[in-house]
């Protein structure tokens, strides 16, 4: 066919070769806001390095390859011996190794560690979200292990290490280790107290043998796992190493890997324990209390991960619109498309701002901030993760048919988007957790209200929303049926308060007008029209270089 029939015009160049961190104004401003001056320069340098890697051709190729070549389970070796190993494409190991060496499992022991890690997690997730699971589990295991100083001394240096070592060996022979988690079972799901896995005590103090089946086991290729099982004293938390100190394999039968909607580069397994050696973490009968700090930390990662997906989707939509012409001009210049892009950008910036505020609360680690997190984390997890699918779907539509094909990367984002709203407790679980805190922990509500009150008087729509929220909070009798409505309002009020304090006036005003003032439709692109929308869209550009 003649080459002249294949002249390509008006196609958008790929968004590549840019600094994912430096090009995200909401994120860079949050890092500057929450980090002390004496660590800020170092953090900027490390995040800039990670951001340039995330925006590189190489990292984008790794992400595509890892997604297109999902992990495979190898249950037996050539001689029939049970090995239960998960094999990954080399791109997966490159992504995960780069993340570990960049400190994305190291937050608990360095100043500003949670803000630095959250920002890095948000940046690197945009290359490929699937490998975030082992990063999150490894990071989140630290507070649970700290309930046992001996276990923490043994494992924490490995979990926070900047060295990635693949392969199953005794942890004592590795310079870095990864952790997974196994809580849910067939018969119970989220109701972990119905677990039937048994833990039989051995003669040595704190040692047990486990027998049972875990319906979902996160990151089954990891070096160790925190799991729940029924001990004589009740539901308890246990550390299960994949390889025993003497080098022998611990019984850990991976029956299958889950065939998932998205998150396909990551392995999620179904495993069985049969005389599996474990060490108790915390006291017998207090398994949920022991593991709850791990759950809270992974819930925060759900918020950060969703913010990352939103940011990448919005960056792609704005980039496409800035380069694609239609009906006599660039899409980004068309008033209706500008409205859609600005609306999406508001959602993305609100998610990023809230995520980094929560990370900063972890760094502060004061009584006030811990009380604030008790409500703010499940409320944010509920709302931000739910907004993710809507944002990514609308952003994909901005690319039209080009966004519906795999080469654009948008379908991968869309398949990934629902995950974080399910992982670590779905919407109802988060809403009920907030309700439980409201009813049992008045200090948590006080801390939350003090936080949103810091912007009181700055905008009449926020003030009215706070007043309405206080009316709803005054009567929690029979509140379960309206828990979702209540938690949604709490999350929006918190986001509005943060944006009024820290975002440009154009962003804060549009958010308050739409999300709090009701001047908004039922779909994106229904913001009140005004010249400020162009400012919001320009702020959301990814800063291609």
Protein backbone atom coordinates (compact mmCIF):
# COMPACT_ATOMS: atom_id res chain seq x y z
CA UNK A 1 0.00 0.00 0.00
CA UNK A 2 1.30 3.47 -0.85
CA UNK A 3 3.08 5.18 2.00
CA UNK A 4 1.14 8.40 1.33
CA UNK A 5 -2.04 6.76 2.67
CA UNK A 6 -0.36 6.26 6.03
CA UNK A 7 0.68 9.79 6.81
CA UNK A 8 0.07 10.20 10.52
CA UNK A 9 -1.03 13.57 11.84
CA UNK A 10 -2.75 14.84 14.97
CA UNK A 11 -1.63 11.89 17.11
CA UNK A 12 -0.45 12.62 20.63
CA UNK A 13 3.17 11.87 21.57
CA UNK A 14 3.57 9.57 24.56
CA UNK A 15 3.88 11.16 27.99
CA UNK A 16 7.42 9.99 28.66
CA UNK A 17 10.80 11.38 29.63
CA UNK A 18 9.54 13.60 32.42
CA UNK A 19 9.91 13.90 36.20
CA UNK A 20 6.78 12.42 37.76
CA UNK A 21 7.56 14.08 41.08
CA UNK A 22 8.62 17.55 39.96
CA UNK A 23 5.74 17.67 37.48
CA UNK A 24 3.14 17.16 40.23
CA UNK A 25 2.61 20.52 41.92
CA UNK A 26 0.18 19.25 44.54
CA UNK A 27 2.67 16.57 45.59
CA UNK A 28 5.79 18.73 45.60
CA UNK A 29 4.02 21.39 47.64
CA UNK A 30 2.81 18.78 50.14
CA UNK A 31 6.34 17.45 50.60
CA UNK A 32 7.67 20.97 51.16
CA UNK A 33 4.86 21.67 53.62
CA UNK A 34 5.23 18.58 55.76
CA UNK A 35 9.00 18.03 55.89
CA UNK A 36 11.40 19.84 58.17
CA UNK A 37 13.86 22.13 56.34
CA UNK A 38 16.88 20.07 57.35
CA UNK A 39 15.59 16.96 55.55
CA UNK A 40 13.79 18.67 52.68
CA UNK A 41 16.74 19.00 50.29
CA UNK A 42 17.67 15.35 50.68
CA UNK A 43 14.05 14.30 50.17
CA UNK A 44 13.70 16.46 47.06
CA UNK A 45 16.81 14.91 45.58
CA UNK A 46 15.73 11.32 46.21
CA UNK A 47 12.17 11.95 45.02
CA UNK A 48 13.42 13.74 41.93
CA UNK A 49 15.63 10.79 41.07
CA UNK A 50 12.71 8.42 41.57
CA UNK A 51 10.40 10.72 39.61
CA UNK A 52 12.70 10.81 36.60
CA UNK A 53 12.97 7.03 36.72
CA UNK A 54 9.18 6.65 36.92
CA UNK A 55 8.71 8.87 33.87
CA UNK A 56 11.40 7.15 31.82
CA UNK A 57 10.90 4.92 28.79
CA UNK A 58 12.58 2.09 30.68
CA UNK A 59 10.22 2.14 33.68
CA UNK A 60 7.17 2.37 31.44
CA UNK A 61 8.40 -0.65 29.50
CA UNK A 62 8.95 -2.55 32.76
CA UNK A 63 5.40 -1.77 33.81
CA UNK A 64 3.92 -2.96 30.52
CA UNK A 65 6.04 -6.13 30.53
CA UNK A 66 5.17 -7.01 34.12
CA UNK A 67 1.48 -6.55 33.40
CA UNK A 68 1.58 -8.55 30.18
CA UNK A 69 3.53 -11.43 31.79
CA UNK A 70 1.75 -12.23 35.06
CA UNK A 71 3.37 -14.47 37.70
CA UNK A 72 3.25 -18.24 37.41
CA UNK A 73 2.98 -20.78 40.19
CA UNK A 74 5.45 -23.67 40.25
CA UNK A 75 4.24 -26.14 42.85
CA UNK A 76 6.81 -28.96 42.27
CA UNK A 77 10.32 -29.33 40.98
CA UNK A 78 11.30 -31.78 38.24
CA UNK A 79 11.66 -34.61 40.76
CA UNK A 80 8.20 -34.17 42.29
CA UNK A 81 9.28 -32.31 45.41
CA UNK A 82 6.93 -29.60 46.61
CA UNK A 83 8.57 -26.17 46.17
CA UNK A 84 5.63 -23.72 46.00
CA UNK A 85 7.47 -20.94 44.23
CA UNK A 86 6.09 -18.01 42.28
CA UNK A 87 7.99 -17.03 39.14
CA UNK A 88 7.91 -13.43 37.92
CA UNK A 89 8.97 -11.73 34.73
CA UNK A 90 12.34 -9.96 35.10
CA UNK A 91 10.55 -6.61 34.74
CA UNK A 92 8.71 -7.27 37.99
CA UNK A 93 11.97 -7.77 39.84
CA UNK A 94 13.38 -4.60 38.32
CA UNK A 95 10.36 -2.59 39.45
CA UNK A 96 10.35 -4.08 42.93
CA UNK A 97 14.11 -3.84 43.30
CA UNK A 98 14.11 -0.20 42.28
CA UNK A 99 11.35 0.52 44.79
CA UNK A 100 13.16 -1.19 47.67
CA UNK A 101 16.48 0.48 46.93
CA UNK A 102 14.63 3.81 46.83
CA UNK A 103 13.45 3.31 50.41
CA UNK A 104 9.79 2.49 49.78
CA UNK A 105 9.77 0.01 52.66
CA UNK A 106 11.69 2.31 54.97
CA UNK A 107 9.56 4.83 56.85
CA UNK A 108 9.50 4.01 60.54
CA UNK A 109 13.06 4.80 61.53
CA UNK A 110 13.99 8.03 59.74
CA UNK A 111 12.83 11.63 60.14
CA UNK A 112 9.98 12.51 57.85
CA UNK A 113 10.03 8.89 56.78
CA UNK A 114 6.30 8.49 56.23
CA UNK A 115 5.93 11.62 54.11
CA UNK A 116 9.02 10.70 52.08
CA UNK A 117 7.85 7.15 51.59
CA UNK A 118 4.25 8.13 50.77
CA UNK A 119 5.46 10.62 48.16
CA UNK A 120 7.78 8.02 46.67
CA UNK A 121 5.03 5.38 46.70
CA UNK A 122 2.72 7.81 44.90
CA UNK A 123 5.38 8.54 42.30
CA UNK A 124 6.60 5.00 41.63
CA UNK A 125 3.12 3.45 41.60
CA UNK A 126 2.49 5.43 38.43
CA UNK A 127 5.03 3.23 36.62
CA UNK A 128 3.11 0.07 37.60
CA UNK A 129 0.77 -0.42 40.54
CA UNK A 130 0.93 -4.19 40.91
CA UNK A 131 4.18 -4.45 42.79
CA UNK A 132 2.88 -2.06 45.45
CA UNK A 133 1.40 -4.96 47.43
CA UNK A 134 4.67 -6.43 48.78
CA UNK A 135 6.02 -2.91 49.34
CA UNK A 136 2.98 -2.04 51.41
CA UNK A 137 2.88 -5.29 53.38
CA UNK A 138 6.58 -5.12 54.18
CA UNK A 139 6.34 -1.52 55.34
CA UNK A 140 3.18 -2.13 57.36
CA UNK A 141 4.45 -5.23 59.19
CA UNK A 142 6.88 -3.16 61.27
CA UNK A 143 4.43 -1.77 63.89
CA UNK A 144 2.90 -5.21 64.44
CA UNK A 145 6.31 -6.80 64.96
CA UNK A 146 7.24 -4.09 67.45
CA UNK A 147 4.79 -5.62 69.92
CA UNK A 148 7.50 -8.25 70.36
CA UNK A 149 10.94 -6.58 70.79
CA UNK A 150 12.83 -9.78 70.00
CA UNK A 151 11.01 -10.30 66.71
CA UNK A 152 11.37 -6.64 65.83
CA UNK A 153 15.12 -6.76 66.46
CA UNK A 154 15.41 -9.78 64.17
CA UNK A 155 13.16 -8.70 61.31
CA UNK A 156 12.86 -4.91 61.23
CA UNK A 157 16.36 -4.29 59.81
CA UNK A 158 15.53 -6.69 56.98
CA UNK A 159 12.13 -5.15 56.24
CA UNK A 160 13.44 -1.59 56.17
CA UNK A 161 16.57 -2.52 54.22
CA UNK A 162 17.32 -0.81 50.91
CA UNK A 163 18.61 -4.09 49.50
CA UNK A 164 16.35 -6.30 47.38
CA UNK A 165 17.19 -10.00 47.35
CA UNK A 166 14.87 -12.29 45.42
CA UNK A 167 14.68 -15.99 46.10
CA UNK A 168 13.76 -18.11 49.11
CA UNK A 169 16.49 -18.51 51.68
CA UNK A 170 16.69 -18.28 55.43
CA UNK A 171 16.19 -14.63 56.41
CA UNK A 172 19.39 -14.78 58.44
CA UNK A 173 21.26 -15.18 55.15
CA UNK A 174 19.61 -12.24 53.37
CA UNK A 175 20.32 -8.52 53.42
CA UNK A 176 16.67 -7.63 52.88
CA UNK A 177 13.32 -9.35 53.20
CA UNK A 178 9.70 -8.93 52.12
CA UNK A 179 6.54 -9.66 54.10
CA UNK A 180 3.03 -10.72 53.18
CA UNK A 181 -0.17 -11.22 55.13
CA UNK A 182 -2.86 -13.87 55.48
CA UNK A 183 -6.04 -13.08 57.38
CA UNK A 184 -9.11 -13.99 55.35
CA UNK A 185 -10.53 -17.48 54.96
CA UNK A 186 -13.22 -19.07 52.78
CA UNK A 187 -15.96 -19.07 55.35
CA UNK A 188 -15.41 -15.63 56.82
CA UNK A 189 -13.79 -13.13 54.48
CA UNK A 190 -13.69 -9.83 56.32
CA UNK A 191 -15.09 -11.47 59.45
CA UNK A 192 -11.65 -12.64 60.55
CA UNK A 193 -12.88 -13.76 63.98
CA UNK A 194 -14.55 -16.68 62.22
CA UNK A 195 -11.14 -18.00 61.13
CA UNK A 196 -10.71 -21.73 61.65
CA UNK A 197 -6.95 -22.08 61.14
CA UNK A 198 -5.63 -23.79 64.30
CA UNK A 199 -2.45 -22.96 66.20
CA UNK A 200 -1.15 -25.74 68.45
CA UNK A 201 1.47 -24.67 71.02
CA UNK A 202 4.86 -26.37 71.05
CA UNK A 203 7.07 -26.86 74.08
CA UNK A 204 9.16 -23.80 73.31
CA UNK A 205 7.56 -20.57 74.46
CA UNK A 206 5.88 -18.66 71.65
CA UNK A 207 6.24 -21.44 69.06
CA UNK A 208 3.26 -23.13 67.37
CA UNK A 209 2.26 -25.38 64.51
CA UNK A 210 -0.49 -24.06 62.23
CA UNK A 211 -3.09 -26.05 60.31
CA UNK A 212 -5.58 -24.36 58.04
CA UNK A 213 -6.38 -22.62 54.78
CA UNK A 214 -6.08 -18.96 53.82
CA UNK A 215 -8.40 -17.88 51.00
CA UNK A 216 -6.33 -14.77 50.27
CA UNK A 217 -2.63 -14.51 51.01
CA UNK A 218 -0.96 -11.31 49.90
CA UNK A 219 2.43 -11.54 48.19
CA UNK A 220 2.92 -15.34 48.61
CA UNK A 221 6.51 -15.19 47.33
CA UNK A 222 7.58 -13.23 50.42
CA UNK A 223 10.08 -14.26 53.11
CA UNK A 224 7.62 -14.07 55.98
CA UNK A 225 3.93 -13.52 56.74
CA UNK A 226 1.74 -12.23 59.50
CA UNK A 227 -1.30 -14.48 59.81
CA UNK A 228 -4.24 -14.97 62.15
CA UNK A 229 -5.08 -18.34 63.71
CA UNK A 230 -7.06 -19.74 66.63
CA UNK A 231 -4.77 -20.53 69.58
CA UNK A 232 -6.00 -22.02 72.87
CA UNK A 233 -6.38 -18.47 74.18
CA UNK A 234 -8.32 -17.23 71.15
CA UNK A 235 -7.57 -15.58 67.82
CA UNK A 236 -3.88 -14.67 67.74
CA UNK A 237 -1.28 -13.22 65.40
CA UNK A 238 1.65 -15.30 64.16
CA UNK A 239 4.80 -14.82 62.10
CA UNK A 240 5.23 -17.56 59.51
CA UNK A 241 8.66 -17.68 57.81
CA UNK A 242 8.82 -19.33 54.40
CA UNK A 243 12.25 -20.79 55.18
CA UNK A 244 13.16 -22.07 58.64
CA UNK A 245 16.36 -21.04 60.42
CA UNK A 246 18.04 -24.33 59.44
CA UNK A 247 17.34 -23.68 55.76
CA UNK A 248 14.44 -26.15 55.40
CA UNK A 249 11.22 -25.03 53.69
CA UNK A 250 8.35 -24.37 56.08
CA UNK A 251 5.17 -26.24 54.97
CA UNK A 252 3.42 -23.55 52.90
CA UNK A 253 1.37 -25.03 50.08
CA UNK A 254 0.32 -22.45 47.50
CA UNK A 255 -2.74 -24.10 45.97
CA UNK A 256 -3.30 -21.50 43.28
CA UNK A 257 -2.82 -17.88 42.30
CA UNK A 258 -5.94 -15.76 41.99
CA UNK A 259 -7.03 -14.77 38.47
CA UNK A 260 -7.82 -11.11 39.12
CA UNK A 261 -9.55 -8.28 37.31
CA UNK A 262 -6.48 -6.06 37.55
CA UNK A 263 -3.29 -5.97 39.59
CA UNK A 264 -2.18 -8.73 37.28
CA UNK A 265 1.56 -8.31 37.69
CA UNK A 266 1.17 -9.12 41.39
CA UNK A 267 0.65 -12.58 42.87
CA UNK A 268 -2.23 -13.16 45.28
CA UNK A 269 -2.38 -16.72 46.54
CA UNK A 270 -4.53 -19.30 48.23
CA UNK A 271 -2.39 -21.21 50.71
CA UNK A 272 -2.62 -24.12 53.12
CA UNK A 273 -0.76 -24.71 56.38
CA UNK A 274 -0.15 -28.27 57.52
CA UNK A 275 2.13 -28.42 60.53
CA UNK A 276 3.54 -25.02 59.59
CA UNK A 277 5.94 -23.60 62.18
CA UNK A 278 5.12 -20.13 63.48
CA UNK A 279 6.04 -17.69 66.24
CA UNK A 280 3.37 -15.84 68.14
CA UNK A 281 3.35 -12.05 67.82
CA UNK A 282 1.75 -10.37 70.81
CA UNK A 283 -0.48 -12.09 73.34
CA UNK A 284 -2.79 -15.02 72.72
CA UNK A 285 -6.34 -13.92 72.05
CA UNK A 286 -5.27 -10.44 70.94
CA UNK A 287 -4.52 -11.17 67.30
CA UNK A 288 -6.74 -8.46 65.83
CA UNK A 289 -5.35 -5.83 68.18
CA UNK A 290 -1.80 -6.91 67.29
CA UNK A 291 -2.29 -6.83 63.54
CA UNK A 292 -4.54 -3.74 63.44
CA UNK A 293 -1.60 -1.33 63.10
CA UNK A 294 -0.50 -3.25 60.02
CA UNK A 295 -4.02 -2.97 58.65
CA UNK A 296 -4.11 0.79 59.33
CA UNK A 297 -0.79 1.33 57.55
CA UNK A 298 -1.91 -0.65 54.51
CA UNK A 299 -5.17 1.32 54.46
CA UNK A 300 -3.15 4.49 54.18
CA UNK A 301 -1.32 2.91 51.25
CA UNK A 302 -4.71 2.27 49.65
CA UNK A 303 -5.31 6.02 49.81
CA UNK A 304 -1.84 6.83 48.46
CA UNK A 305 -2.11 4.18 45.74
CA UNK A 306 -5.49 5.48 44.59
CA UNK A 307 -4.14 9.03 44.57
CA UNK A 308 -1.32 7.76 42.35
CA UNK A 309 -3.70 6.13 39.87
CA UNK A 310 -5.81 9.29 39.75
CA UNK A 311 -2.77 11.46 39.22
CA UNK A 312 -1.47 9.34 36.35
CA UNK A 313 -4.92 9.20 34.72
CA UNK A 314 -5.37 12.98 34.97
CA UNK A 315 -1.83 13.61 33.72
CA UNK A 316 -2.54 11.45 30.68
CA UNK A 317 -5.89 13.18 30.01
CA UNK A 318 -4.41 16.68 30.26
CA UNK A 319 -1.41 15.69 28.14
CA UNK A 320 -3.65 14.23 25.45
CA UNK A 321 -5.89 17.30 25.42
CA UNK A 322 -2.90 19.63 25.17
CA UNK A 323 -1.71 17.91 21.98
CA UNK A 324 -4.89 16.72 20.24
CA UNK A 325 -6.75 19.05 17.88
CA UNK A 326 -10.46 18.82 17.08
CA UNK A 327 -13.02 21.20 15.62
CA UNK A 328 -10.49 23.90 14.90
CA UNK A 329 -8.40 23.94 18.05
CA UNK A 330 -6.69 22.01 20.82
CA UNK A 331 -9.01 20.03 23.08
CA UNK A 332 -7.56 21.71 26.17
CA UNK A 333 -8.81 25.06 24.85
CA UNK A 334 -12.41 23.89 24.44
CA UNK A 335 -14.58 25.15 27.34
CA UNK A 336 -16.37 21.85 27.89
CA UNK A 337 -13.21 19.73 27.86
CA UNK A 338 -11.54 22.25 30.14
CA UNK A 339 -14.41 21.81 32.60
CA UNK A 340 -13.97 18.05 32.57
CA UNK A 341 -10.22 18.27 33.05
CA UNK A 342 -10.51 20.81 35.86
CA UNK A 343 -13.08 18.65 37.64
CA UNK A 344 -10.79 15.63 37.41
CA UNK A 345 -7.83 17.68 38.58
CA UNK A 346 -9.74 18.81 41.68
CA UNK A 347 -10.40 15.21 42.65
CA UNK A 348 -6.78 14.24 42.11
CA UNK A 349 -5.34 17.17 44.06
CA UNK A 350 -7.75 16.64 46.95
CA UNK A 351 -6.71 12.97 47.15
CA UNK A 352 -2.98 13.79 47.08
CA UNK A 353 -3.30 16.53 49.68
CA UNK A 354 -5.23 14.29 52.04
CA UNK A 355 -2.88 11.32 51.57
CA UNK A 356 0.22 13.36 52.44
CA UNK A 357 -1.54 14.95 55.43
CA UNK A 358 -2.18 11.47 56.82
CA UNK A 359 1.44 10.47 56.23
CA UNK A 360 2.56 13.59 58.11
CA UNK A 361 0.36 12.57 61.04
CA UNK A 362 2.23 9.27 61.21
CA UNK A 363 5.52 11.14 61.31
CA UNK A 364 4.34 13.45 64.09
CA UNK A 365 3.24 10.46 66.19
CA UNK A 366 1.62 12.58 68.91
CA UNK A 367 -1.44 11.63 70.91
CA UNK A 368 -3.46 14.22 69.00
CA UNK A 369 -2.34 12.93 65.61
CA UNK A 370 -2.93 9.29 66.54
CA UNK A 371 -6.47 10.20 67.57
CA UNK A 372 -6.95 12.06 64.29
CA UNK A 373 -5.74 9.07 62.27
CA UNK A 374 -8.21 6.77 64.01
CA UNK A 375 -11.04 8.43 62.08
CA UNK A 376 -9.25 10.08 59.18
CA UNK A 377 -7.62 6.91 57.79
CA UNK A 378 -10.79 4.81 57.34
CA UNK A 379 -12.75 7.87 56.18
CA UNK A 380 -10.10 8.69 53.58
CA UNK A 381 -9.77 5.05 52.59
CA UNK A 382 -13.54 4.87 52.08
CA UNK A 383 -13.86 8.00 49.95
CA UNK A 384 -10.62 8.34 47.98
CA UNK A 385 -10.55 4.72 46.85
CA UNK A 386 -14.16 4.96 45.67
CA UNK A 387 -13.46 8.10 43.66
CA UNK A 388 -10.57 6.41 41.89
CA UNK A 389 -12.62 4.31 39.45
CA UNK A 390 -14.79 7.27 38.48
CA UNK A 391 -11.78 9.50 37.87
CA UNK A 392 -9.87 6.95 35.82
CA UNK A 393 -12.96 6.08 33.76
CA UNK A 394 -13.61 9.72 32.89
CA UNK A 395 -9.93 10.37 32.15
CA UNK A 396 -9.92 7.40 29.78
CA UNK A 397 -12.90 8.93 27.98
CA UNK A 398 -10.89 12.12 27.44
CA UNK A 399 -8.62 10.07 25.17
CA UNK A 400 -11.63 8.67 23.29
CA UNK A 401 -11.03 5.46 21.37
CA UNK A 402 -7.28 5.90 21.79
CA UNK A 403 -7.77 5.48 25.52
CA UNK A 404 -9.72 2.25 25.09
CA UNK A 405 -6.83 0.35 23.55
CA UNK A 406 -4.16 -1.34 25.64
CA UNK A 407 -1.24 0.59 24.16
CA UNK A 408 -2.45 3.77 25.85
CA UNK A 409 -2.04 2.24 29.32
CA UNK A 410 -5.44 3.57 30.36
CA UNK A 411 -7.22 0.17 30.43
CA UNK A 412 -4.56 -1.08 32.86
CA UNK A 413 -5.26 1.91 35.13
CA UNK A 414 -9.00 1.28 34.91
CA UNK A 415 -8.69 -2.39 35.83
CA UNK A 416 -6.47 -1.45 38.75
CA UNK A 417 -8.75 1.31 40.03
CA UNK A 418 -11.31 -0.77 42.02
CA UNK A 419 -8.67 -2.73 43.93
CA UNK A 420 -7.93 -0.33 46.76
CA UNK A 421 -11.60 0.07 47.67
CA UNK A 422 -11.75 -3.71 48.29
CA UNK A 423 -8.29 -4.40 49.72
CA UNK A 424 -8.03 -4.10 53.52
CA UNK A 425 -11.78 -3.83 53.97
CA UNK A 426 -14.38 -2.67 51.48
CA UNK A 427 -16.54 0.43 51.78
CA UNK A 428 -18.96 -0.87 54.39
CA UNK A 429 -16.09 -2.04 56.59
CA UNK A 430 -14.49 1.41 56.49
CA UNK A 431 -17.76 3.20 57.18
CA UNK A 432 -18.53 0.96 60.13
CA UNK A 433 -14.99 1.44 61.45
CA UNK A 434 -15.50 5.21 61.45
CA UNK A 435 -18.86 4.76 63.16
CA UNK A 436 -17.26 2.55 65.81
CA UNK A 437 -14.64 5.20 66.52
CA UNK A 438 -17.30 7.90 66.77
CA UNK A 439 -19.24 5.88 69.30
CA UNK A 440 -16.34 4.60 71.40
CA UNK A 441 -13.50 7.11 71.06
CA UNK A 442 -14.66 10.70 71.60
CA UNK A 443 -11.06 11.93 71.49
CA UNK A 444 -10.83 10.79 67.87
CA UNK A 445 -13.83 12.90 66.90
CA UNK A 446 -12.44 15.86 68.84
CA UNK A 447 -9.14 15.60 66.95
CA UNK A 448 -10.94 15.34 63.61
CA UNK A 449 -13.09 18.38 64.32
CA UNK A 450 -10.09 20.40 65.43
CA UNK A 451 -8.38 19.58 62.15
CA UNK A 452 -11.29 20.64 59.93
CA UNK A 453 -11.88 23.64 62.19
CA UNK A 454 -8.49 25.09 61.25
CA UNK A 455 -10.08 26.43 58.06
CA UNK A 456 -13.34 27.54 59.64
CA UNK A 457 -14.29 31.04 58.59
CA UNK A 458 -12.30 30.84 55.35
CA UNK A 459 -15.27 29.84 53.19
CA UNK A 460 -19.00 30.02 53.87
CA UNK A 461 -19.62 26.71 52.10
CA UNK A 462 -17.15 24.89 54.33
CA UNK A 463 -18.69 26.54 57.39
CA UNK A 464 -22.15 25.39 56.32
CA UNK A 465 -20.89 21.87 55.63
CA UNK A 466 -19.26 21.68 59.09
CA UNK A 467 -22.52 22.85 60.67
CA UNK A 468 -24.51 20.18 58.82
CA UNK A 469 -21.94 17.55 59.76
CA UNK A 470 -22.19 18.47 63.45
CA UNK A 471 -25.96 18.06 63.24
CA UNK A 472 -25.54 14.55 61.83
CA UNK A 473 -22.91 13.66 64.42
CA UNK A 474 -25.16 14.79 67.26
CA UNK A 475 -27.42 11.77 66.76
CA UNK A 476 -25.65 8.47 66.13
CA UNK A 477 -28.58 6.34 67.22
CA UNK A 478 -29.36 3.95 64.38
CA UNK A 479 -26.56 5.49 62.32
CA UNK A 480 -25.45 2.28 60.59
CA UNK A 481 -27.86 2.67 57.68
CA UNK A 482 -26.53 6.16 56.96
CA UNK A 483 -22.88 5.45 57.77
CA UNK A 484 -21.74 5.79 54.17
CA UNK A 485 -23.43 9.17 53.81
CA UNK A 486 -21.86 10.36 57.06
CA UNK A 487 -18.34 9.18 56.20
CA UNK A 488 -18.54 10.69 52.72
CA UNK A 489 -19.40 14.06 54.23
CA UNK A 490 -16.58 13.77 56.75
CA UNK A 491 -14.05 13.02 54.02
CA UNK A 492 -15.25 15.89 51.82
CA UNK A 493 -15.21 18.37 54.70
CA UNK A 494 -11.68 17.28 55.58
CA UNK A 495 -10.52 17.63 51.97
CA UNK A 496 -12.16 21.03 51.67
CA UNK A 497 -10.51 22.23 54.86
CA UNK A 498 -7.06 21.10 53.71
CA UNK A 499 -7.44 22.69 50.27
CA UNK A 500 -8.58 25.99 51.77
CA UNK A 501 -5.47 26.05 53.92
CA UNK A 502 -2.93 24.92 51.36
CA UNK A 503 -4.14 24.89 47.74
CA UNK A 504 -4.32 27.87 45.37
CA UNK A 505 -7.56 29.88 45.73
CA UNK A 506 -8.85 28.69 42.35
CA UNK A 507 -8.60 25.04 43.42
CA UNK A 508 -10.10 25.55 46.88
CA UNK A 509 -12.96 27.70 45.58
CA UNK A 510 -13.96 25.24 42.86
CA UNK A 511 -13.78 22.30 45.28
CA UNK A 512 -15.93 24.04 47.90
CA UNK A 513 -18.44 25.27 45.30
CA UNK A 514 -18.91 21.79 43.83
CA UNK A 515 -18.24 19.22 46.56
CA UNK A 516 -19.50 21.22 49.55
CA UNK A 517 -21.77 23.91 48.08
CA UNK A 518 -23.73 21.65 45.76
CA UNK A 519 -23.04 23.66 42.58
CA UNK A 520 -22.23 20.49 40.69
CA UNK A 521 -23.89 17.84 38.58
CA UNK A 522 -23.79 14.06 38.74
CA UNK A 523 -20.88 13.65 36.31
CA UNK A 524 -17.46 15.20 35.88
CA UNK A 525 -17.40 18.36 33.79
CA UNK A 526 -20.27 20.06 35.60
CA UNK A 527 -18.32 22.68 37.55
CA UNK A 528 -19.65 26.24 37.56
CA UNK A 529 -18.10 27.91 34.52
CA UNK A 530 -15.44 30.53 35.03
CA UNK A 531 -11.98 31.67 33.97
CA UNK A 532 -10.34 29.94 36.93
CA UNK A 533 -10.82 26.53 35.31
CA UNK A 534 -7.90 27.17 32.95
CA UNK A 535 -5.67 27.83 35.96
CA UNK A 536 -6.71 24.53 37.55
CA UNK A 537 -6.03 22.57 34.35
CA UNK A 538 -2.65 24.18 33.79
CA UNK A 539 -1.67 23.31 37.36
CA UNK A 540 -2.46 19.65 36.63
CA UNK A 541 -0.15 19.38 33.61
CA UNK A 542 2.56 16.83 34.13
CA UNK A 543 5.37 19.20 33.23
CA UNK A 544 6.77 17.36 30.22
CA UNK A 545 10.42 18.07 29.49
